[in-house]
Protein backbone atom coordinates (compact mmCIF):
# COMPACT_ATOMS: atom_id res chain seq x y z
CA MET A 1 -53.67 -70.26 35.02
CA LEU A 2 -54.18 -73.74 34.99
CA HIS A 3 -56.70 -76.18 33.25
CA MET A 4 -58.10 -78.78 35.64
CA ARG A 5 -59.51 -81.85 34.62
CA VAL A 6 -61.77 -84.17 37.24
CA ILE A 7 -62.49 -87.35 36.71
CA SER A 8 -65.23 -88.05 39.64
CA PRO A 9 -67.44 -91.08 40.81
CA VAL A 10 -70.74 -90.53 39.41
CA GLY A 11 -71.71 -90.05 43.20
CA GLN A 12 -68.90 -87.29 43.90
CA THR A 13 -69.93 -85.52 40.84
CA ASP A 14 -72.22 -83.20 42.17
CA ALA A 15 -69.77 -82.49 45.14
CA VAL A 16 -66.98 -81.97 42.62
CA ARG A 17 -69.44 -79.34 40.25
CA ASP A 18 -70.47 -77.39 43.58
CA LEU A 19 -66.66 -77.30 44.78
CA LEU A 20 -65.64 -75.89 41.83
CA LEU A 21 -68.55 -73.50 41.47
CA GLY A 22 -67.96 -71.97 44.89
CA GLU A 23 -64.09 -71.41 44.19
CA PRO A 24 -64.03 -67.60 43.48
CA GLY A 25 -60.54 -68.45 41.40
CA ALA A 26 -62.01 -71.14 39.20
CA THR A 27 -64.16 -70.61 35.86
CA HIS A 28 -65.40 -72.14 32.53
CA VAL A 29 -66.42 -75.07 34.96
CA THR A 30 -67.94 -78.17 32.26
CA VAL A 31 -69.63 -81.16 33.56
CA LEU A 32 -69.23 -84.23 31.18
CA PRO A 33 -71.27 -87.00 32.16
CA GLY A 34 -70.42 -90.66 32.08
CA ILE A 35 -67.89 -90.00 28.99
CA ALA A 36 -64.31 -91.26 31.37
CA LEU A 37 -64.33 -94.96 30.61
CA GLN A 38 -61.03 -96.10 32.57
CA PRO A 39 -61.48 -95.18 35.46
CA PRO A 40 -65.07 -95.04 34.90
CA GLY A 41 -67.35 -91.69 36.19
CA ASP A 42 -68.53 -88.29 35.12
CA VAL A 43 -65.33 -85.50 33.49
CA VAL A 44 -65.79 -82.34 35.62
CA GLU A 45 -63.58 -79.30 33.73
CA ALA A 46 -62.62 -75.82 34.95
CA ASP A 47 -59.79 -73.14 34.32
CA VAL A 48 -58.62 -72.29 37.61
CA ALA A 49 -56.45 -69.42 38.90
CA ARG A 50 -52.78 -71.16 40.02
CA GLU A 51 -53.58 -69.07 43.82
CA SER A 52 -56.15 -71.66 44.20
CA VAL A 53 -55.11 -74.60 42.61
CA ASP A 54 -53.43 -75.97 46.00
CA PRO A 55 -56.83 -75.72 48.41
CA LEU A 56 -58.84 -77.00 45.65
CA LEU A 57 -56.39 -80.64 45.52
CA GLY A 58 -56.99 -80.65 48.83
CA ALA A 59 -60.88 -80.48 49.09
CA LEU A 60 -60.55 -83.16 46.15
CA SER A 61 -58.21 -85.46 47.96
CA GLU A 62 -60.85 -85.43 50.90
CA LEU A 63 -63.75 -86.42 48.87
CA GLY A 64 -61.34 -89.28 47.78
CA VAL A 65 -61.61 -88.36 44.06
CA ASP A 66 -57.52 -88.96 43.75
CA ARG A 67 -57.91 -92.49 44.58
CA ALA A 68 -61.62 -93.87 42.95
CA GLY A 69 -61.20 -90.91 39.88
CA GLY A 70 -58.15 -88.80 38.75
CA VAL A 71 -56.97 -85.20 38.75
CA THR A 72 -54.73 -83.42 35.92
CA LEU A 73 -53.47 -80.17 35.77
CA GLU A 74 -52.27 -78.38 32.24
CA VAL A 75 -50.70 -74.85 31.93
CA ILE A 76 -52.74 -72.37 29.86
CA ASP A 77 -50.27 -69.98 28.14
CA THR A 78 -53.01 -67.88 27.02
CA SER A 79 -56.98 -67.28 27.83
CA LEU A 80 -59.11 -64.82 26.22
CA SER A 81 -61.80 -64.41 29.02
CA ASP A 82 -63.38 -61.53 30.81
CA ALA A 83 -64.51 -64.73 33.46
CA ALA A 84 -60.85 -65.75 33.59
CA ASP A 85 -59.79 -62.42 34.31
CA ALA A 86 -61.94 -61.97 37.18
CA ALA A 87 -61.28 -65.65 38.52
CA GLU A 88 -57.49 -64.21 38.54
CA GLU A 89 -58.48 -61.10 40.36
CA ALA A 90 -60.77 -63.17 42.60
CA ALA A 91 -58.73 -65.43 43.81
CA PRO A 92 -56.36 -64.50 46.93
CA GLY A 93 -52.74 -63.42 46.92
CA ASP A 94 -49.86 -63.45 43.51
CA PRO A 95 -49.97 -66.46 41.13
CA THR A 96 -45.68 -66.13 41.12
CA ASP A 97 -46.31 -66.78 45.06
CA ALA A 98 -48.52 -69.92 45.08
CA VAL A 99 -46.91 -72.99 45.99
CA ILE A 100 -48.62 -76.32 44.32
CA TRP A 101 -47.59 -78.92 46.89
CA ASP A 102 -48.58 -82.02 44.93
CA GLU A 103 -46.96 -80.52 41.63
CA LEU A 104 -43.83 -79.82 43.78
CA VAL A 105 -43.79 -83.28 45.37
CA ALA A 106 -44.33 -84.62 41.54
CA ARG A 107 -41.79 -82.60 40.15
CA THR A 108 -39.07 -83.37 42.80
CA GLY A 109 -39.64 -86.88 43.10
CA GLU A 110 -39.21 -87.31 39.64
CA GLU A 111 -35.85 -85.60 39.24
CA SER A 112 -34.28 -87.16 42.21
CA ARG A 113 -34.54 -90.56 41.06
CA LEU A 114 -31.17 -92.75 40.58
CA SER A 115 -31.48 -93.24 36.67
CA VAL A 116 -29.24 -93.77 34.15
CA SER A 117 -29.94 -90.26 32.86
CA PHE A 118 -29.22 -88.86 36.06
CA GLN A 119 -25.84 -90.18 36.69
CA ALA A 120 -24.93 -89.99 33.08
CA PHE A 121 -25.32 -86.33 33.53
CA LEU A 122 -23.46 -86.09 36.78
CA THR A 123 -20.74 -87.89 35.43
CA ILE A 124 -20.06 -85.61 32.21
CA ALA A 125 -20.57 -82.44 34.35
CA CYS A 126 -17.43 -83.84 37.06
CA LEU A 127 -15.33 -84.64 33.91
CA LEU A 128 -16.03 -81.19 32.32
CA ALA A 129 -15.36 -79.47 36.25
CA ALA A 130 -11.96 -81.69 36.17
CA ILE A 131 -10.76 -80.37 32.78
CA GLY A 132 -12.02 -77.05 33.78
CA ALA A 133 -9.69 -76.82 36.92
CA ILE A 134 -6.59 -78.83 35.07
CA THR A 135 -6.70 -75.96 32.29
CA ASN A 136 -7.67 -73.44 34.86
CA SER A 137 -10.88 -72.77 32.70
CA PRO A 138 -13.40 -70.64 34.83
CA VAL A 139 -16.00 -71.24 31.45
CA THR A 140 -15.50 -74.74 31.41
CA VAL A 141 -16.11 -74.55 34.92
CA VAL A 142 -19.27 -72.80 35.08
CA GLY A 143 -20.40 -75.12 31.82
CA ALA A 144 -20.17 -78.10 34.11
CA MET A 145 -21.98 -76.54 37.14
CA VAL A 146 -25.10 -75.81 34.86
CA LEU A 147 -25.20 -79.51 33.05
CA GLY A 148 -25.03 -80.44 37.06
CA PRO A 149 -28.07 -82.55 38.16
CA GLU A 150 -27.52 -82.81 41.51
CA PHE A 151 -30.33 -79.72 42.42
CA GLY A 152 -33.28 -82.16 42.08
CA PRO A 153 -31.94 -85.02 44.86
CA LEU A 154 -31.44 -81.78 47.46
CA ALA A 155 -34.96 -79.93 46.59
CA ALA A 156 -36.08 -83.59 46.98
CA ILE A 157 -34.83 -84.02 50.82
CA ALA A 158 -35.92 -80.39 51.27
CA VAL A 159 -39.53 -81.06 50.29
CA GLY A 160 -39.39 -84.99 52.09
CA ALA A 161 -38.31 -83.32 55.60
CA VAL A 162 -41.00 -80.45 55.25
CA LEU A 163 -43.60 -82.64 54.14
CA ARG A 164 -42.49 -86.03 56.41
CA ARG A 165 -42.16 -87.95 53.26
CA GLY A 166 -39.73 -90.52 53.97
CA ASP A 167 -39.57 -91.67 50.46
CA LEU A 168 -38.46 -88.45 48.81
CA VAL A 169 -35.77 -87.96 51.25
CA ARG A 170 -34.63 -91.60 50.62
CA ARG A 171 -34.67 -91.15 47.43
CA GLY A 172 -32.86 -87.99 46.80
CA GLY A 173 -30.03 -89.39 49.61
CA LEU A 174 -29.69 -92.65 47.44
CA ALA A 175 -29.08 -90.38 44.45
CA LEU A 176 -26.54 -88.30 46.01
CA ALA A 177 -24.77 -91.08 47.84
CA VAL A 178 -24.61 -93.30 44.86
CA GLY A 179 -24.20 -90.73 41.97
CA PHE A 180 -21.21 -88.31 43.47
CA PRO A 181 -18.84 -91.27 44.66
CA LEU A 182 -19.51 -92.90 41.21
CA ALA A 183 -19.10 -89.87 39.56
CA MET A 184 -15.60 -89.09 41.38
CA VAL A 185 -14.11 -92.72 41.13
CA ILE A 186 -14.74 -92.69 36.78
CA THR A 187 -13.25 -88.75 37.17
CA ALA A 188 -10.40 -90.23 39.15
CA LEU A 189 -9.88 -92.78 36.61
CA ALA A 190 -9.69 -90.23 33.82
CA ALA A 191 -7.30 -88.28 35.64
CA VAL A 192 -5.37 -91.21 35.87
CA GLY A 193 -5.29 -91.76 32.13
CA PHE A 194 -4.75 -87.73 31.77
CA ASP A 195 -1.77 -88.58 34.04
CA ALA A 196 -0.21 -91.40 32.03
CA THR A 197 -0.69 -89.64 28.67
CA GLY A 198 1.16 -86.46 29.84
CA LEU A 199 -1.87 -84.18 29.73
CA LEU A 200 -1.85 -83.64 33.49
CA SER A 201 0.49 -83.36 35.92
CA THR A 202 1.23 -82.58 39.59
CA ALA A 203 2.81 -79.10 38.20
CA THR A 204 -0.38 -78.06 36.45
CA LEU A 205 -2.32 -77.80 39.75
CA ASP A 206 0.29 -75.07 40.89
CA ASN A 207 -1.42 -72.40 39.04
CA LEU A 208 -5.21 -72.48 39.12
CA ASP A 209 -5.61 -68.74 40.15
CA GLN A 210 -8.83 -68.51 37.95
CA VAL A 211 -10.48 -71.72 39.66
CA ASP A 212 -9.04 -71.89 42.78
CA PHE A 213 -12.85 -71.06 44.54
CA ILE A 214 -13.07 -74.94 43.84
CA TYR A 215 -11.59 -75.89 46.87
CA LYS A 216 -10.76 -72.89 48.96
CA VAL A 217 -13.34 -72.71 51.75
CA GLY A 218 -14.01 -69.71 53.46
CA PRO A 219 -17.47 -68.09 55.58
CA PHE A 220 -18.61 -66.93 51.96
CA SER A 221 -18.82 -70.54 50.85
CA PHE A 222 -22.30 -71.41 52.98
CA ILE A 223 -23.45 -67.95 52.66
CA VAL A 224 -23.67 -68.83 49.14
CA ALA A 225 -24.83 -72.33 49.34
CA LEU A 226 -27.71 -70.62 51.57
CA LEU A 227 -28.53 -68.07 49.01
CA ALA A 228 -28.38 -70.41 46.35
CA GLY A 229 -30.61 -73.11 47.94
CA ALA A 230 -33.25 -70.52 49.11
CA ALA A 231 -33.27 -68.93 45.49
CA GLY A 232 -33.42 -72.71 43.95
CA MET A 233 -36.28 -73.88 46.45
CA LEU A 234 -38.19 -70.42 44.82
CA ALA A 235 -37.72 -70.90 41.72
CA LEU A 236 -39.37 -74.34 42.14
CA THR A 237 -42.57 -73.05 43.96
CA SER A 238 -43.27 -70.14 41.95
CA ALA A 239 -42.92 -71.66 38.52
CA LYS A 240 -39.68 -69.18 37.91
CA SER A 241 -37.19 -72.37 36.62
CA ALA A 242 -35.34 -69.82 34.52
CA SER A 243 -33.72 -68.66 37.65
CA LEU A 244 -32.32 -72.45 38.26
CA VAL A 245 -29.91 -71.56 35.74
CA GLY A 246 -28.59 -68.86 38.39
CA VAL A 247 -28.45 -71.39 41.07
CA PHE A 248 -26.95 -73.86 38.75
CA ILE A 249 -24.02 -71.26 38.24
CA SER A 250 -24.11 -70.14 41.78
CA VAL A 251 -22.67 -73.67 43.64
CA THR A 252 -19.56 -75.29 43.51
CA THR A 253 -21.06 -78.96 44.46
CA VAL A 254 -20.13 -80.78 41.09
CA PRO A 255 -16.50 -78.71 40.77
CA ALA A 256 -15.80 -79.45 44.03
CA ALA A 257 -16.10 -83.11 43.70
CA ALA A 258 -14.04 -83.32 40.20
CA PHE A 259 -11.50 -81.54 41.48
CA ALA A 260 -11.10 -83.79 45.02
CA SER A 261 -10.73 -86.46 43.07
CA THR A 262 -8.31 -85.11 40.68
CA ALA A 263 -6.28 -83.36 43.61
CA LEU A 264 -5.91 -87.12 45.32
CA VAL A 265 -4.48 -88.76 42.03
CA GLU A 266 -1.77 -85.98 42.10
CA GLY A 267 -0.93 -86.37 45.82
CA ARG A 268 -2.26 -83.07 46.08
CA TYR A 269 -4.07 -83.94 49.47
CA ALA A 270 -4.82 -80.57 50.95
CA GLN A 271 -6.49 -79.30 47.92
CA ALA A 272 -8.43 -82.62 47.83
CA ALA A 273 -9.41 -82.08 51.27
CA GLY A 274 -10.52 -78.43 50.58
CA SER A 275 -12.32 -79.21 47.77
CA ALA A 276 -14.41 -82.51 49.72
CA LEU A 277 -15.11 -79.45 52.76
CA GLN A 278 -16.71 -77.21 50.14
CA LEU A 279 -19.04 -80.10 48.60
CA LEU A 280 -20.16 -80.71 52.04
CA VAL A 281 -20.69 -77.29 52.65
CA ASN A 282 -22.51 -76.72 49.62
CA LEU A 283 -24.98 -79.63 50.13
CA VAL A 284 -25.74 -78.70 53.52
CA GLY A 285 -26.27 -74.90 53.22
CA ILE A 286 -29.00 -75.67 49.98
CA VAL A 287 -30.98 -78.17 52.16
CA VAL A 288 -30.92 -76.01 55.01
CA ALA A 289 -31.82 -72.97 53.31
CA ALA A 290 -34.25 -74.83 50.66
CA THR A 291 -36.14 -76.59 53.77
CA ALA A 292 -36.21 -73.03 55.76
CA VAL A 293 -38.08 -71.81 52.39
CA LEU A 294 -40.08 -74.61 52.45
CA LEU A 295 -41.41 -74.20 56.00
CA VAL A 296 -42.15 -70.74 55.87
CA SER A 297 -44.17 -71.24 52.51
CA HIS A 298 -46.26 -74.53 54.10
CA ARG A 299 -46.68 -72.76 57.64
CA THR A 300 -48.72 -69.75 55.13
CA ALA A 301 -50.43 -72.23 53.41
CA VAL A 302 -52.20 -74.21 56.30
CA ARG A 303 -53.24 -70.91 57.41
CA GLN A 304 -54.52 -70.07 54.89
CA ARG A 305 -56.48 -73.32 54.50
CA GLY A 306 -57.48 -72.33 57.87
CA MET A 307 -58.66 -69.05 57.35
CA ARG A 308 -60.74 -70.28 54.10
CA ARG A 309 -62.61 -73.04 55.96
CA LEU A 310 -63.13 -70.44 58.76
CA SER A 311 -64.84 -68.44 56.27
CA ALA A 312 -66.53 -71.31 54.37
CA GLY A 313 -68.44 -72.20 57.41
């Protein structure tokens, strides 16, 4: 369950209270009159089953509470209450399948920003991937995959496309359009340094049997990208973030970008082209699959809201 705290304008408090009391998936409803100072108003709190959160947020937005007051959500780790158990049973669906769209927008929006930390993680991941490729070390390459932060912007593009939020699409696109080229340039400069110190030569790239998946593109490249994109978005929407680690390991976006730079420096143009194609295939596949998953979830949510309104009427 989640704890919902609503700062309600005094004139809307009765409507907010009645909304929460009328929701089968809400319990422990509390009203604290006049306690909110900034913004001023009353505080209404409740514990809400995850399945009921998104419809409630929509109803609160229709009341204008998000503009004149505010709504915050906190995850409840432990709740010893028969009333809470009854609310979870009364809420339709399964909590792990419930999508809280405002939470998803906030999360993807934050993780898709082109920040210093985003660029640093992406650059370090590319450098690790380049070293892993040079040393024919799949373990190092996998470590770089886990470190890469690129799924955030890709998820933001998918969310923005489904919800028609151009700001999310632009933000995610900017992070990728600036982040990857900059990381690849730095990786290329590092490859030049490795070459100058004798740590890298074109002959080094002749025997990469353990990591050749980075630049060898086949039918399964796109299939894996689709599966990873679908799994990643399911992990985000179902609050199973631990599954994202498996998603990061399954895609070769960062290794492909890193090896494209390294191979280009060494004049291995075929390998560089293959890596660039691998990068493109992965980016497109992830966004397509993530968007498809969200479209299904969004249509289901719209249908459920319509049914709730009909039943309430």
